[in-house]
């Protein structure tokens, strides 16, 4: 829903913002377990890269009207993208 954020009702925007923050916090918690011991800034950038990859993948698949595109892009992210 972030793509239509400006057009959403204010109460829906609050929930989208809340969901985004919860997801970013969860990804941060999971990646903090990684043995790389990244500093907080580097960890946050990594988290946002993952979040952006997933969000962007959803938009591309939607534009292609093909859910398989979503799976294919995420598979590529596992191989060479931001995913651990």
N, C-alpha and C. Protein backbone atom coordinates (compact mmCIF):
# COMPACT_ATOMS: atom_id res chain seq x y z
N UNK A 1 0.81 -1.20 0.00
CA UNK A 1 0.00 0.00 0.00
C UNK A 1 0.86 1.26 0.00
N UNK A 2 2.15 1.09 0.19
CA UNK A 2 3.03 2.24 0.24
C UNK A 2 3.04 3.01 -1.09
N UNK A 3 2.83 2.31 -2.20
CA UNK A 3 2.83 2.96 -3.51
C UNK A 3 1.68 3.97 -3.63
N UNK A 4 0.60 3.74 -2.93
CA UNK A 4 -0.56 4.64 -2.96
C UNK A 4 -0.68 5.43 -1.67
N UNK A 5 0.41 5.53 -0.92
CA UNK A 5 0.40 6.12 0.42
C UNK A 5 -0.30 7.48 0.47
N UNK A 6 0.03 8.35 -0.47
CA UNK A 6 -0.54 9.71 -0.45
C UNK A 6 -2.05 9.72 -0.64
N UNK A 7 -2.57 8.70 -1.29
CA UNK A 7 -4.01 8.64 -1.57
C UNK A 7 -4.81 7.90 -0.51
N UNK A 8 -4.13 7.35 0.48
CA UNK A 8 -4.82 6.58 1.52
C UNK A 8 -5.47 7.49 2.54
N UNK A 9 -6.51 6.99 3.16
CA UNK A 9 -7.14 7.72 4.26
C UNK A 9 -6.13 7.83 5.41
N UNK A 10 -6.18 8.91 6.16
CA UNK A 10 -5.21 9.11 7.24
C UNK A 10 -5.11 7.93 8.21
N UNK A 11 -6.22 7.32 8.56
CA UNK A 11 -6.17 6.20 9.50
C UNK A 11 -5.49 4.97 8.88
N UNK A 12 -5.61 4.83 7.57
CA UNK A 12 -4.94 3.72 6.89
C UNK A 12 -3.44 4.02 6.81
N UNK A 13 -3.08 5.28 6.54
CA UNK A 13 -1.67 5.67 6.50
C UNK A 13 -0.98 5.35 7.82
N UNK A 14 -1.66 5.59 8.93
CA UNK A 14 -1.10 5.29 10.24
C UNK A 14 -0.80 3.80 10.35
N UNK A 15 -1.71 2.96 9.88
CA UNK A 15 -1.52 1.52 9.96
C UNK A 15 -0.41 1.04 9.02
N UNK A 16 -0.32 1.63 7.84
CA UNK A 16 0.76 1.28 6.92
C UNK A 16 2.10 1.65 7.55
N UNK A 17 2.18 2.83 8.13
CA UNK A 17 3.40 3.28 8.81
C UNK A 17 3.75 2.33 9.95
N UNK A 18 2.75 1.96 10.74
CA UNK A 18 2.96 1.06 11.87
C UNK A 18 3.45 -0.31 11.39
N UNK A 19 2.81 -0.83 10.35
CA UNK A 19 3.22 -2.12 9.79
C UNK A 19 4.66 -2.06 9.28
N UNK A 20 4.98 -1.01 8.55
CA UNK A 20 6.34 -0.85 8.02
C UNK A 20 7.35 -0.85 9.15
N UNK A 21 7.09 -0.09 10.19
CA UNK A 21 8.02 -0.03 11.32
C UNK A 21 8.15 -1.38 12.03
N UNK A 22 7.03 -2.09 12.19
CA UNK A 22 7.11 -3.41 12.82
C UNK A 22 7.94 -4.37 11.98
N UNK A 23 7.75 -4.33 10.68
CA UNK A 23 8.50 -5.22 9.80
C UNK A 23 9.99 -4.87 9.81
N UNK A 24 10.31 -3.59 9.74
CA UNK A 24 11.71 -3.16 9.80
C UNK A 24 12.33 -3.56 11.13
N UNK A 25 11.59 -3.39 12.22
CA UNK A 25 12.10 -3.79 13.53
C UNK A 25 12.35 -5.30 13.59
N UNK A 26 11.44 -6.09 13.02
CA UNK A 26 11.60 -7.55 13.03
C UNK A 26 12.82 -7.96 12.22
N UNK A 27 12.96 -7.39 11.02
CA UNK A 27 14.12 -7.72 10.19
C UNK A 27 15.40 -7.33 10.92
N UNK A 28 15.39 -6.19 11.58
CA UNK A 28 16.56 -5.74 12.34
C UNK A 28 16.91 -6.74 13.44
N UNK A 29 15.91 -7.21 14.15
CA UNK A 29 16.13 -8.19 15.22
C UNK A 29 16.76 -9.46 14.67
N UNK A 30 16.23 -9.93 13.55
CA UNK A 30 16.75 -11.16 12.94
C UNK A 30 18.18 -10.95 12.46
N UNK A 31 18.44 -9.87 11.75
CA UNK A 31 19.78 -9.65 11.22
C UNK A 31 20.80 -9.33 12.30
N UNK A 32 20.34 -8.82 13.43
CA UNK A 32 21.26 -8.54 14.54
C UNK A 32 21.88 -9.84 15.07
N UNK A 33 21.25 -10.97 14.77
CA UNK A 33 21.79 -12.26 15.18
C UNK A 33 22.94 -12.71 14.29
N UNK A 34 23.12 -12.05 13.17
CA UNK A 34 24.18 -12.41 12.22
C UNK A 34 25.55 -12.19 12.85
N UNK A 35 26.46 -13.08 12.63
CA UNK A 35 27.78 -12.97 13.27
C UNK A 35 28.66 -11.84 12.72
N UNK A 36 28.17 -11.07 11.75
CA UNK A 36 28.98 -10.00 11.18
C UNK A 36 29.17 -8.83 12.16
N UNK A 37 28.33 -8.75 13.18
CA UNK A 37 28.43 -7.68 14.17
C UNK A 37 28.49 -6.30 13.54
N UNK A 38 27.53 -5.99 12.71
CA UNK A 38 27.47 -4.69 12.07
C UNK A 38 27.09 -3.61 13.07
N UNK A 39 27.59 -2.40 12.84
CA UNK A 39 27.17 -1.30 13.71
C UNK A 39 25.72 -0.94 13.36
N UNK A 40 25.08 -0.16 14.19
CA UNK A 40 23.65 0.14 14.06
C UNK A 40 23.32 0.77 12.71
N UNK A 41 24.18 1.66 12.23
CA UNK A 41 23.91 2.33 10.96
C UNK A 41 23.98 1.36 9.79
N UNK A 42 25.01 0.53 9.77
CA UNK A 42 25.16 -0.45 8.70
C UNK A 42 24.01 -1.47 8.73
N UNK A 43 23.62 -1.88 9.92
CA UNK A 43 22.51 -2.82 10.07
C UNK A 43 21.22 -2.22 9.54
N UNK A 44 20.95 -0.97 9.87
CA UNK A 44 19.72 -0.31 9.41
C UNK A 44 19.72 -0.21 7.88
N UNK A 45 20.86 0.12 7.29
CA UNK A 45 20.93 0.20 5.83
C UNK A 45 20.66 -1.15 5.20
N UNK A 46 21.18 -2.21 5.79
CA UNK A 46 20.96 -3.55 5.27
C UNK A 46 19.47 -3.91 5.37
N UNK A 47 18.88 -3.60 6.49
CA UNK A 47 17.45 -3.87 6.70
C UNK A 47 16.62 -3.13 5.65
N UNK A 48 16.92 -1.86 5.44
CA UNK A 48 16.15 -1.08 4.47
C UNK A 48 16.36 -1.60 3.05
N UNK A 49 17.54 -2.10 2.75
CA UNK A 49 17.79 -2.68 1.43
C UNK A 49 16.92 -3.92 1.22
N UNK A 50 16.81 -4.74 2.24
CA UNK A 50 15.96 -5.93 2.15
C UNK A 50 14.50 -5.53 2.00
N UNK A 51 14.07 -4.59 2.83
CA UNK A 51 12.68 -4.14 2.78
C UNK A 51 12.37 -3.55 1.41
N UNK A 52 13.27 -2.73 0.88
CA UNK A 52 13.07 -2.12 -0.44
C UNK A 52 13.03 -3.19 -1.54
N UNK A 53 13.87 -4.21 -1.42
CA UNK A 53 13.87 -5.28 -2.41
C UNK A 53 12.53 -6.00 -2.44
N UNK A 54 12.00 -6.30 -1.29
CA UNK A 54 10.71 -7.00 -1.23
C UNK A 54 9.58 -6.11 -1.74
N UNK A 55 9.57 -4.85 -1.30
CA UNK A 55 8.53 -3.92 -1.75
C UNK A 55 8.61 -3.71 -3.26
N UNK A 56 9.81 -3.49 -3.76
CA UNK A 56 9.98 -3.27 -5.20
C UNK A 56 9.60 -4.50 -6.01
N UNK A 57 9.93 -5.65 -5.50
CA UNK A 57 9.58 -6.90 -6.17
C UNK A 57 8.06 -7.04 -6.29
N UNK A 58 7.36 -6.65 -5.24
CA UNK A 58 5.90 -6.70 -5.29
C UNK A 58 5.34 -5.79 -6.38
N UNK A 59 5.91 -4.59 -6.48
CA UNK A 59 5.44 -3.64 -7.50
C UNK A 59 5.74 -4.14 -8.91
N UNK A 60 6.93 -4.69 -9.13
CA UNK A 60 7.28 -5.19 -10.45
C UNK A 60 6.36 -6.34 -10.85
N UNK A 61 6.14 -7.28 -9.94
CA UNK A 61 5.26 -8.41 -10.23
C UNK A 61 3.84 -7.93 -10.51
N UNK A 62 3.41 -6.92 -9.76
CA UNK A 62 2.07 -6.38 -9.99
C UNK A 62 1.98 -5.74 -11.37
N UNK A 63 3.02 -4.99 -11.75
CA UNK A 63 3.04 -4.36 -13.07
C UNK A 63 3.08 -5.37 -14.21
N UNK A 64 3.70 -6.50 -13.95
CA UNK A 64 3.78 -7.58 -14.95
C UNK A 64 2.54 -8.47 -14.92
N UNK A 65 1.71 -8.28 -13.91
CA UNK A 65 0.54 -9.13 -13.70
C UNK A 65 0.93 -10.60 -13.70
N UNK A 66 2.02 -10.88 -12.97
CA UNK A 66 2.54 -12.26 -12.94
C UNK A 66 3.23 -12.50 -11.60
N UNK A 67 2.61 -13.28 -10.75
CA UNK A 67 3.18 -13.56 -9.43
C UNK A 67 4.49 -14.32 -9.53
N UNK A 68 4.69 -15.06 -10.61
CA UNK A 68 5.94 -15.79 -10.79
C UNK A 68 7.13 -14.83 -10.86
N UNK A 69 6.91 -13.63 -11.36
CA UNK A 69 7.96 -12.63 -11.41
C UNK A 69 8.45 -12.32 -10.00
N UNK A 70 7.53 -12.25 -9.06
CA UNK A 70 7.89 -12.02 -7.65
C UNK A 70 8.83 -13.12 -7.17
N UNK A 71 8.46 -14.36 -7.39
CA UNK A 71 9.29 -15.49 -6.95
C UNK A 71 10.65 -15.48 -7.64
N UNK A 72 10.66 -15.18 -8.94
CA UNK A 72 11.92 -15.18 -9.69
C UNK A 72 12.87 -14.10 -9.17
N UNK A 73 12.35 -12.91 -8.91
CA UNK A 73 13.20 -11.82 -8.42
C UNK A 73 13.72 -12.14 -7.03
N UNK A 74 12.87 -12.65 -6.17
CA UNK A 74 13.34 -12.99 -4.82
C UNK A 74 14.37 -14.12 -4.87
N UNK A 75 14.20 -15.06 -5.77
CA UNK A 75 15.23 -16.09 -5.93
C UNK A 75 16.57 -15.45 -6.30
N UNK A 76 16.54 -14.48 -7.19
CA UNK A 76 17.77 -13.78 -7.59
C UNK A 76 18.37 -13.02 -6.41
N UNK A 77 17.52 -12.46 -5.55
CA UNK A 77 18.02 -11.74 -4.37
C UNK A 77 18.74 -12.69 -3.42
N UNK A 78 18.26 -13.90 -3.31
CA UNK A 78 18.94 -14.88 -2.46
C UNK A 78 20.32 -15.20 -2.98
N UNK A 79 20.45 -15.19 -4.31
CA UNK A 79 21.73 -15.53 -4.92
C UNK A 79 22.71 -14.38 -4.89
N UNK A 80 22.27 -13.18 -5.26
CA UNK A 80 23.22 -12.09 -5.42
C UNK A 80 22.78 -10.76 -4.83
N UNK A 81 21.63 -10.74 -4.18
CA UNK A 81 21.10 -9.48 -3.69
C UNK A 81 21.36 -9.25 -2.22
N UNK A 82 20.51 -8.46 -1.60
CA UNK A 82 20.74 -8.03 -0.22
C UNK A 82 20.42 -9.06 0.86
N UNK A 83 19.83 -10.19 0.45
CA UNK A 83 19.42 -11.15 1.46
C UNK A 83 20.61 -11.91 2.01
N UNK A 84 20.57 -12.18 3.31
CA UNK A 84 21.68 -12.93 3.92
C UNK A 84 21.64 -14.41 3.52
